[in-house]
Amino acid sequence: MPCSLLIADSGPLIALTRLDLLPQLCARFESVCLPGKVVAEVTRDMQRPDAQILANALDRGLLTQIEVAENDIDAVLRFGLDPGETDAIALACLKRAMLLIDERKGRLAAKSLGLEIIGTVGVLITFRKAGVIQQVKPYFERLANMGYFLSEALIRQTLSQFDET
């Protein structure tokens, strides 16, 4: 059964798209929304296949773009985050939604504002528990091959949780 609303930041959204898990992410939530600044980030280079997939998902309505008003980001500006993260956090606050974010500083800011957060690894764990994916390890390897940083401690902890060491 889908959860209600997810607001996504660009990093984990790109990672999950590159892992071919965007359809599963969209199926898990009634709505996956992106602030306009995140849309601009993920579609900046339309030569990249992930940018094309994400633009297509927006066109097909799998992802929804929501603009964030300047006065809605005031509470988030003090954290000194990039514009996409700032808008994603502000939108999650406004909509009382779960936030998909990986960057440490952004996660800390979101937690301090009382938001429920999930990251790329959290999505993989959720998918593994639900049987959407059979193993986590191949996804960690693919992320590493594409230059996506995950801490060794987090990888070890997650793999041991599923006896995939």
N, C-alpha and C. Protein backbone atom coordinates (compact mmCIF):
# COMPACT_ATOMS: atom_id res chain seq x y z
N MET A 1 0.85 -1.19 0.00
CA MET A 1 0.00 0.00 0.00
C MET A 1 0.88 1.24 0.00
N PRO A 2 0.63 2.17 -0.90
CA PRO A 2 1.47 3.36 -0.98
C PRO A 2 1.32 4.27 0.24
N CYS A 3 2.44 4.89 0.62
CA CYS A 3 2.41 5.96 1.62
C CYS A 3 1.92 7.20 0.90
N SER A 4 1.69 8.27 1.65
CA SER A 4 1.06 9.41 1.01
C SER A 4 1.99 10.27 0.16
N LEU A 5 2.88 11.02 0.75
CA LEU A 5 3.61 12.04 0.01
C LEU A 5 5.09 12.00 0.33
N LEU A 6 5.91 12.06 -0.71
CA LEU A 6 7.36 12.12 -0.57
C LEU A 6 7.86 13.35 -1.34
N ILE A 7 8.69 14.15 -0.67
CA ILE A 7 9.36 15.27 -1.32
C ILE A 7 10.81 14.82 -1.54
N ALA A 8 11.31 14.97 -2.75
CA ALA A 8 12.63 14.44 -3.08
C ALA A 8 13.64 15.54 -3.36
N ASP A 9 14.84 15.33 -2.84
CA ASP A 9 16.00 16.14 -3.19
C ASP A 9 16.69 15.45 -4.37
N SER A 10 17.56 16.16 -5.04
CA SER A 10 18.13 15.67 -6.29
C SER A 10 19.06 14.47 -6.15
N GLY A 11 19.97 14.46 -5.18
CA GLY A 11 20.96 13.39 -5.08
C GLY A 11 20.38 11.99 -5.03
N PRO A 12 19.53 11.71 -4.05
CA PRO A 12 18.96 10.36 -3.98
C PRO A 12 18.01 10.05 -5.14
N LEU A 13 17.35 11.07 -5.65
CA LEU A 13 16.45 10.85 -6.79
C LEU A 13 17.26 10.41 -8.02
N ILE A 14 18.38 11.06 -8.26
CA ILE A 14 19.25 10.67 -9.37
C ILE A 14 19.80 9.27 -9.13
N ALA A 15 20.26 9.00 -7.90
CA ALA A 15 20.82 7.68 -7.59
C ALA A 15 19.79 6.57 -7.83
N LEU A 16 18.59 6.75 -7.33
CA LEU A 16 17.56 5.73 -7.49
C LEU A 16 17.15 5.57 -8.96
N THR A 17 17.20 6.66 -9.71
CA THR A 17 16.92 6.59 -11.15
C THR A 17 18.00 5.79 -11.85
N ARG A 18 19.25 6.05 -11.51
CA ARG A 18 20.36 5.32 -12.12
C ARG A 18 20.34 3.84 -11.74
N LEU A 19 19.74 3.52 -10.60
CA LEU A 19 19.61 2.12 -10.17
C LEU A 19 18.36 1.45 -10.76
N ASP A 20 17.66 2.18 -11.63
CA ASP A 20 16.43 1.68 -12.26
C ASP A 20 15.33 1.39 -11.25
N LEU A 21 15.27 2.20 -10.18
CA LEU A 21 14.28 2.01 -9.13
C LEU A 21 13.26 3.15 -9.04
N LEU A 22 13.27 4.06 -10.00
CA LEU A 22 12.31 5.16 -9.96
C LEU A 22 10.86 4.68 -10.01
N PRO A 23 10.51 3.73 -10.88
CA PRO A 23 9.12 3.27 -10.89
C PRO A 23 8.68 2.67 -9.55
N GLN A 24 9.57 1.95 -8.90
CA GLN A 24 9.25 1.36 -7.60
C GLN A 24 9.09 2.42 -6.53
N LEU A 25 9.93 3.46 -6.61
CA LEU A 25 9.80 4.58 -5.66
C LEU A 25 8.45 5.26 -5.84
N CYS A 26 8.09 5.52 -7.08
CA CYS A 26 6.81 6.19 -7.36
C CYS A 26 5.62 5.32 -6.97
N ALA A 27 5.76 4.01 -7.07
CA ALA A 27 4.68 3.11 -6.69
C ALA A 27 4.50 3.05 -5.18
N ARG A 28 5.56 3.33 -4.45
CA ARG A 28 5.52 3.25 -2.98
C ARG A 28 4.78 4.43 -2.36
N PHE A 29 4.71 5.54 -3.09
CA PHE A 29 4.09 6.76 -2.57
C PHE A 29 2.95 7.18 -3.48
N GLU A 30 1.92 7.75 -2.89
CA GLU A 30 0.82 8.27 -3.69
C GLU A 30 1.30 9.39 -4.59
N SER A 31 2.27 10.16 -4.10
CA SER A 31 2.80 11.27 -4.88
C SER A 31 4.26 11.50 -4.51
N VAL A 32 5.11 11.66 -5.52
CA VAL A 32 6.51 12.03 -5.32
C VAL A 32 6.66 13.40 -5.95
N CYS A 33 7.00 14.38 -5.12
CA CYS A 33 7.02 15.78 -5.55
C CYS A 33 8.43 16.36 -5.48
N LEU A 34 8.70 17.26 -6.41
CA LEU A 34 9.99 17.93 -6.48
C LEU A 34 9.77 19.44 -6.55
N PRO A 35 10.52 20.19 -5.76
CA PRO A 35 10.48 21.64 -5.95
C PRO A 35 11.09 21.99 -7.31
N GLY A 36 10.72 23.11 -7.86
CA GLY A 36 11.24 23.53 -9.16
C GLY A 36 12.76 23.57 -9.22
N LYS A 37 13.41 23.96 -8.14
CA LYS A 37 14.88 24.02 -8.15
C LYS A 37 15.50 22.63 -8.23
N VAL A 38 14.84 21.64 -7.65
CA VAL A 38 15.31 20.26 -7.77
C VAL A 38 15.10 19.77 -9.20
N VAL A 39 13.96 20.10 -9.79
CA VAL A 39 13.71 19.74 -11.19
C VAL A 39 14.82 20.32 -12.07
N ALA A 40 15.17 21.58 -11.83
CA ALA A 40 16.23 22.22 -12.62
C ALA A 40 17.56 21.48 -12.45
N GLU A 41 17.86 21.05 -11.22
CA GLU A 41 19.11 20.32 -10.97
C GLU A 41 19.14 18.97 -11.69
N VAL A 42 18.05 18.23 -11.61
CA VAL A 42 18.06 16.86 -12.15
C VAL A 42 17.90 16.82 -13.67
N THR A 43 17.47 17.93 -14.27
CA THR A 43 17.30 17.95 -15.72
C THR A 43 18.26 18.93 -16.39
N ARG A 44 19.24 19.38 -15.65
CA ARG A 44 20.18 20.39 -16.17
C ARG A 44 20.92 19.90 -17.41
N ASP A 45 21.39 18.65 -17.39
CA ASP A 45 22.15 18.10 -18.51
C ASP A 45 21.33 17.00 -19.17
N MET A 46 20.57 17.37 -20.18
CA MET A 46 19.67 16.41 -20.82
C MET A 46 20.40 15.38 -21.67
N GLN A 47 21.72 15.44 -21.71
CA GLN A 47 22.50 14.40 -22.37
C GLN A 47 22.63 13.17 -21.47
N ARG A 48 22.44 13.36 -20.18
CA ARG A 48 22.52 12.23 -19.24
C ARG A 48 21.23 11.42 -19.30
N PRO A 49 21.35 10.10 -19.35
CA PRO A 49 20.14 9.26 -19.39
C PRO A 49 19.22 9.46 -18.19
N ASP A 50 19.80 9.67 -16.99
CA ASP A 50 18.94 9.85 -15.82
C ASP A 50 18.12 11.14 -15.93
N ALA A 51 18.69 12.18 -16.52
CA ALA A 51 17.95 13.44 -16.71
C ALA A 51 16.79 13.23 -17.66
N GLN A 52 17.01 12.45 -18.70
CA GLN A 52 15.95 12.15 -19.66
C GLN A 52 14.84 11.33 -19.00
N ILE A 53 15.21 10.35 -18.20
CA ILE A 53 14.22 9.52 -17.50
C ILE A 53 13.40 10.37 -16.55
N LEU A 54 14.07 11.25 -15.81
CA LEU A 54 13.35 12.09 -14.84
C LEU A 54 12.45 13.11 -15.55
N ALA A 55 12.91 13.68 -16.64
CA ALA A 55 12.06 14.61 -17.40
C ALA A 55 10.84 13.88 -17.95
N ASN A 56 11.04 12.66 -18.42
CA ASN A 56 9.94 11.86 -18.92
C ASN A 56 8.95 11.52 -17.80
N ALA A 57 9.48 11.20 -16.61
CA ALA A 57 8.62 10.89 -15.47
C ALA A 57 7.79 12.10 -15.07
N LEU A 58 8.37 13.28 -15.17
CA LEU A 58 7.62 14.52 -14.90
C LEU A 58 6.53 14.71 -15.95
N ASP A 59 6.88 14.51 -17.21
CA ASP A 59 5.90 14.65 -18.30
C ASP A 59 4.74 13.68 -18.16
N ARG A 60 5.03 12.46 -17.70
CA ARG A 60 4.01 11.42 -17.56
C ARG A 60 3.24 11.51 -16.25
N GLY A 61 3.65 12.41 -15.37
CA GLY A 61 2.94 12.58 -14.10
C GLY A 61 3.36 11.62 -13.01
N LEU A 62 4.44 10.85 -13.23
CA LEU A 62 4.95 9.99 -12.15
C LEU A 62 5.56 10.83 -11.04
N LEU A 63 6.15 11.95 -11.43
CA LEU A 63 6.70 12.93 -10.51
C LEU A 63 5.93 14.23 -10.71
N THR A 64 5.80 14.99 -9.62
CA THR A 64 5.06 16.25 -9.69
C THR A 64 5.97 17.39 -9.27
N GLN A 65 6.00 18.44 -10.06
CA GLN A 65 6.76 19.63 -9.71
C GLN A 65 5.86 20.59 -8.94
N ILE A 66 6.38 21.09 -7.82
CA ILE A 66 5.66 22.08 -7.01
C ILE A 66 6.61 23.25 -6.76
N GLU A 67 6.17 24.43 -7.08
CA GLU A 67 7.00 25.62 -6.84
C GLU A 67 6.91 26.01 -5.36
N VAL A 68 8.01 26.51 -4.86
CA VAL A 68 8.09 26.95 -3.47
C VAL A 68 8.25 28.46 -3.47
N ALA A 69 7.39 29.14 -2.74
CA ALA A 69 7.45 30.60 -2.66
C ALA A 69 8.65 31.03 -1.80
N GLU A 70 9.22 32.17 -2.14
CA GLU A 70 10.39 32.67 -1.41
C GLU A 70 10.12 32.79 0.10
N ASN A 71 8.93 33.25 0.48
CA ASN A 71 8.64 33.41 1.90
C ASN A 71 8.47 32.07 2.62
N ASP A 72 8.31 30.96 1.86
CA ASP A 72 8.17 29.64 2.48
C ASP A 72 9.51 29.04 2.87
N ILE A 73 10.62 29.62 2.38
CA ILE A 73 11.92 29.03 2.69
C ILE A 73 12.64 29.74 3.84
N ASP A 74 12.04 30.79 4.39
CA ASP A 74 12.69 31.58 5.43
C ASP A 74 13.23 30.74 6.58
N ALA A 75 12.46 29.79 7.07
CA ALA A 75 12.88 28.99 8.22
C ALA A 75 14.04 28.07 7.89
N VAL A 76 14.28 27.82 6.61
CA VAL A 76 15.32 26.88 6.20
C VAL A 76 16.61 27.60 5.78
N LEU A 77 16.52 28.87 5.43
CA LEU A 77 17.68 29.62 4.94
C LEU A 77 18.84 29.63 5.92
N ARG A 78 18.55 29.61 7.20
CA ARG A 78 19.60 29.72 8.22
C ARG A 78 20.58 28.54 8.21
N PHE A 79 20.21 27.44 7.54
CA PHE A 79 21.07 26.27 7.52
C PHE A 79 22.17 26.34 6.46
N GLY A 80 22.08 27.30 5.54
CA GLY A 80 23.11 27.48 4.53
C GLY A 80 23.23 26.32 3.55
N LEU A 81 22.10 25.77 3.15
CA LEU A 81 22.09 24.64 2.22
C LEU A 81 22.01 25.12 0.78
N ASP A 82 22.21 24.20 -0.15
CA ASP A 82 22.06 24.60 -1.55
C ASP A 82 20.59 24.85 -1.85
N PRO A 83 20.28 25.57 -2.93
CA PRO A 83 18.89 25.95 -3.21
C PRO A 83 17.91 24.78 -3.33
N GLY A 84 18.33 23.68 -3.95
CA GLY A 84 17.44 22.53 -4.09
C GLY A 84 17.09 21.91 -2.75
N GLU A 85 18.11 21.72 -1.92
CA GLU A 85 17.87 21.17 -0.58
C GLU A 85 16.99 22.10 0.25
N THR A 86 17.28 23.39 0.18
CA THR A 86 16.49 24.38 0.92
C THR A 86 15.01 24.28 0.54
N ASP A 87 14.75 24.25 -0.76
CA ASP A 87 13.36 24.19 -1.22
C ASP A 87 12.71 22.84 -0.89
N ALA A 88 13.48 21.75 -0.99
CA ALA A 88 12.92 20.43 -0.67
C ALA A 88 12.52 20.36 0.80
N ILE A 89 13.37 20.87 1.66
CA ILE A 89 13.07 20.85 3.10
C ILE A 89 11.87 21.76 3.39
N ALA A 90 11.87 22.95 2.80
CA ALA A 90 10.75 23.87 3.01
C ALA A 90 9.44 23.25 2.53
N LEU A 91 9.46 22.61 1.38
CA LEU A 91 8.26 21.98 0.84
C LEU A 91 7.79 20.82 1.72
N ALA A 92 8.73 20.03 2.22
CA ALA A 92 8.37 18.94 3.12
C ALA A 92 7.73 19.48 4.40
N CYS A 93 8.25 20.59 4.89
CA CYS A 93 7.64 21.23 6.07
C CYS A 93 6.22 21.70 5.76
N LEU A 94 6.06 22.36 4.63
CA LEU A 94 4.74 22.88 4.25
C LEU A 94 3.71 21.78 4.07
N LYS A 95 4.13 20.69 3.46
CA LYS A 95 3.21 19.60 3.13
C LYS A 95 3.14 18.52 4.22
N ARG A 96 3.98 18.68 5.25
CA ARG A 96 4.08 17.67 6.31
C ARG A 96 4.32 16.28 5.69
N ALA A 97 5.34 16.26 4.84
CA ALA A 97 5.64 15.06 4.06
C ALA A 97 6.99 14.48 4.45
N MET A 98 7.19 13.23 4.07
CA MET A 98 8.49 12.60 4.23
C MET A 98 9.45 13.23 3.22
N LEU A 99 10.72 13.32 3.59
CA LEU A 99 11.73 13.93 2.75
C LEU A 99 12.78 12.90 2.35
N LEU A 100 13.04 12.80 1.06
CA LEU A 100 14.09 11.94 0.52
C LEU A 100 15.33 12.81 0.35
N ILE A 101 16.35 12.56 1.18
CA ILE A 101 17.56 13.39 1.17
C ILE A 101 18.72 12.56 1.69
N ASP A 102 19.89 12.77 1.11
CA ASP A 102 21.09 12.04 1.53
C ASP A 102 22.14 12.92 2.20
N GLU A 103 22.31 14.12 1.72
CA GLU A 103 23.40 14.98 2.18
C GLU A 103 23.28 15.22 3.69
N ARG A 104 24.38 14.99 4.39
CA ARG A 104 24.39 15.02 5.86
C ARG A 104 23.87 16.33 6.46
N LYS A 105 24.36 17.45 5.95
CA LYS A 105 23.95 18.74 6.49
C LYS A 105 22.45 18.96 6.29
N GLY A 106 21.95 18.57 5.14
CA GLY A 106 20.52 18.69 4.87
C GLY A 106 19.69 17.77 5.76
N ARG A 107 20.19 16.56 6.00
CA ARG A 107 19.48 15.62 6.88
C ARG A 107 19.39 16.19 8.30
N LEU A 108 20.49 16.75 8.78
CA LEU A 108 20.50 17.34 10.12
C LEU A 108 19.53 18.50 10.21
N ALA A 109 19.50 19.35 9.19
CA ALA A 109 18.56 20.48 9.16
C ALA A 109 17.13 19.97 9.18
N ALA A 110 16.84 18.97 8.34
CA ALA A 110 15.48 18.43 8.26
C ALA A 110 15.05 17.81 9.59
N LYS A 111 15.96 17.07 10.22
CA LYS A 111 15.64 16.46 11.52
C LYS A 111 15.37 17.54 12.57
N SER A 112 16.17 18.62 12.53
CA SER A 112 15.98 19.68 13.52
C SER A 112 14.62 20.37 13.35
N LEU A 113 14.06 20.28 12.15
CA LEU A 113 12.74 20.85 11.88
C LEU A 113 11.62 19.83 12.08
N GLY A 114 11.98 18.65 12.57
CA GLY A 114 10.99 17.64 12.89
C GLY A 114 10.50 16.82 11.71
N LEU A 115 11.22 16.85 10.61
CA LEU A 115 10.78 16.10 9.43
C LEU A 115 11.15 14.63 9.52
N GLU A 116 10.31 13.80 8.93
CA GLU A 116 10.64 12.39 8.75
C GLU A 116 11.46 12.30 7.47
N ILE A 117 12.64 11.66 7.56
CA ILE A 117 13.51 11.60 6.41
C ILE A 117 13.84 10.15 6.05
N ILE A 118 14.20 9.97 4.80
CA ILE A 118 14.70 8.70 4.30
C ILE A 118 15.74 9.04 3.25
N GLY A 119 16.75 8.19 3.12
CA GLY A 119 17.77 8.39 2.12
C GLY A 119 17.81 7.22 1.15
N THR A 120 18.78 7.24 0.28
CA THR A 120 18.92 6.17 -0.71
C THR A 120 19.03 4.81 -0.03
N VAL A 121 19.87 4.71 1.00
CA VAL A 121 20.03 3.43 1.70
C VAL A 121 18.73 3.03 2.38
N GLY A 122 18.03 3.97 2.97
CA GLY A 122 16.74 3.68 3.60
C GLY A 122 15.73 3.14 2.61
N VAL A 123 15.73 3.69 1.40
CA VAL A 123 14.83 3.20 0.35
C VAL A 123 15.22 1.78 -0.02
N LEU A 124 16.53 1.53 -0.18
CA LEU A 124 16.98 0.17 -0.51
C LEU A 124 16.59 -0.83 0.58
N ILE A 125 16.73 -0.44 1.83
CA ILE A 125 16.34 -1.31 2.95
C ILE A 125 14.84 -1.58 2.89
N THR A 126 14.05 -0.54 2.68
CA THR A 126 12.60 -0.70 2.58
C THR A 126 12.23 -1.64 1.44
N PHE A 127 12.87 -1.45 0.29
CA PHE A 127 12.60 -2.30 -0.87
C PHE A 127 13.02 -3.75 -0.61
N ARG A 128 14.13 -3.93 0.08
CA ARG A 128 14.61 -5.29 0.40
C ARG A 128 13.63 -5.98 1.34
N LYS A 129 13.19 -5.28 2.37
CA LYS A 129 12.23 -5.85 3.33
C LYS A 129 10.90 -6.18 2.67
N ALA A 130 10.50 -5.39 1.70
CA ALA A 130 9.22 -5.59 1.01
C ALA A 130 9.33 -6.60 -0.14
N GLY A 131 10.54 -7.07 -0.43
CA GLY A 131 10.73 -8.02 -1.51
C GLY A 131 10.78 -7.40 -2.89
N VAL A 132 10.89 -6.08 -2.94
CA VAL A 132 10.98 -5.38 -4.23
C VAL A 132 12.33 -5.69 -4.88
N ILE A 133 13.39 -5.76 -4.06
CA ILE A 133 14.70 -6.20 -4.52
C ILE A 133 15.10 -7.41 -3.68
N GLN A 134 15.90 -8.27 -4.27
CA GLN A 134 16.28 -9.51 -3.57
C GLN A 134 17.52 -9.35 -2.70
N GLN A 135 18.41 -8.43 -3.09
CA GLN A 135 19.64 -8.17 -2.34
C GLN A 135 19.94 -6.68 -2.40
N VAL A 136 20.65 -6.20 -1.38
CA VAL A 136 21.06 -4.80 -1.33
C VAL A 136 22.47 -4.64 -1.91
N LYS A 137 23.30 -5.64 -1.70
CA LYS A 137 24.71 -5.56 -2.07
C LYS A 137 24.94 -5.16 -3.53
N PRO A 138 24.26 -5.73 -4.51
CA PRO A 138 24.50 -5.30 -5.89
C PRO A 138 24.20 -3.81 -6.13
N TYR A 139 23.24 -3.29 -5.40
CA TYR A 139 22.91 -1.87 -5.53
C TYR A 139 23.99 -1.00 -4.92
N PHE A 140 24.56 -1.45 -3.80
CA PHE A 140 25.68 -0.72 -3.21
C PHE A 140 26.87 -0.71 -4.17
N GLU A 141 27.11 -1.85 -4.82
CA GLU A 141 28.22 -1.93 -5.78
C GLU A 141 27.98 -1.00 -6.96
N ARG A 142 26.77 -0.95 -7.46
CA ARG A 142 26.45 -0.05 -8.58
C ARG A 142 26.61 1.41 -8.16
N LEU A 143 26.16 1.74 -6.94
CA LEU A 143 26.33 3.11 -6.45
C LEU A 143 27.81 3.48 -6.36
N ALA A 144 28.62 2.56 -5.84
CA ALA A 144 30.06 2.81 -5.73
C ALA A 144 30.68 3.01 -7.12
N ASN A 145 30.26 2.21 -8.08
CA ASN A 145 30.79 2.32 -9.44
C ASN A 145 30.41 3.64 -10.11
N MET A 146 29.32 4.24 -9.69
CA MET A 146 28.93 5.53 -10.27
C MET A 146 29.45 6.71 -9.43
N GLY A 147 30.29 6.41 -8.42
CA GLY A 147 30.90 7.46 -7.63
C GLY A 147 30.05 8.01 -6.51
N TYR A 148 29.00 7.29 -6.15
CA TYR A 148 28.11 7.74 -5.09
C TYR A 148 28.71 7.33 -3.75
N PHE A 149 28.92 8.28 -2.86
CA PHE A 149 29.58 7.98 -1.58
C PHE A 149 28.59 7.44 -0.55
N LEU A 150 28.95 6.31 0.02
CA LEU A 150 28.25 5.76 1.18
C LEU A 150 29.32 5.35 2.18
N SER A 151 29.09 5.60 3.44
CA SER A 151 30.10 5.25 4.44
C SER A 151 30.23 3.74 4.54
N GLU A 152 31.46 3.29 4.77
CA GLU A 152 31.72 1.86 4.91
C GLU A 152 30.94 1.28 6.09
N ALA A 153 30.83 2.05 7.17
CA ALA A 153 30.08 1.57 8.35
C ALA A 153 28.62 1.33 8.00
N LEU A 154 28.02 2.24 7.24
CA LEU A 154 26.62 2.09 6.84
C LEU A 154 26.45 0.87 5.92
N ILE A 155 27.38 0.70 5.00
CA ILE A 155 27.32 -0.45 4.10
C ILE A 155 27.42 -1.75 4.90
N ARG A 156 28.42 -1.85 5.78
CA ARG A 156 28.60 -3.06 6.60
C ARG A 156 27.36 -3.34 7.44
N GLN A 157 26.84 -2.32 8.10
CA GLN A 157 25.68 -2.47 8.96
C GLN A 157 24.47 -2.98 8.17
N THR A 158 24.26 -2.39 7.01
CA THR A 158 23.10 -2.78 6.19
C THR A 158 23.27 -4.19 5.65
N LEU A 159 24.46 -4.52 5.15
CA LEU A 159 24.68 -5.86 4.61
C LEU A 159 24.55 -6.92 5.69
N SER A 160 25.04 -6.63 6.89
CA SER A 160 24.93 -7.62 7.96
C SER A 160 23.48 -7.79 8.41
N GLN A 161 22.69 -6.75 8.30
CA GLN A 161 21.25 -6.82 8.64
C GLN A 161 20.56 -7.89 7.79
N PHE A 162 21.03 -8.06 6.56
CA PHE A 162 20.40 -9.00 5.64
C PHE A 162 21.28 -10.21 5.34
N ASP A 163 22.33 -10.41 6.15
CA ASP A 163 23.27 -11.52 5.94
C ASP A 163 23.81 -11.55 4.52
N GLU A 164 24.20 -10.39 4.03
CA GLU A 164 24.76 -10.28 2.68
C GLU A 164 26.24 -9.94 2.70
N THR A 165 26.92 -10.22 3.79
CA THR A 165 28.34 -9.83 3.91
C THR A 165 29.25 -10.64 3.03
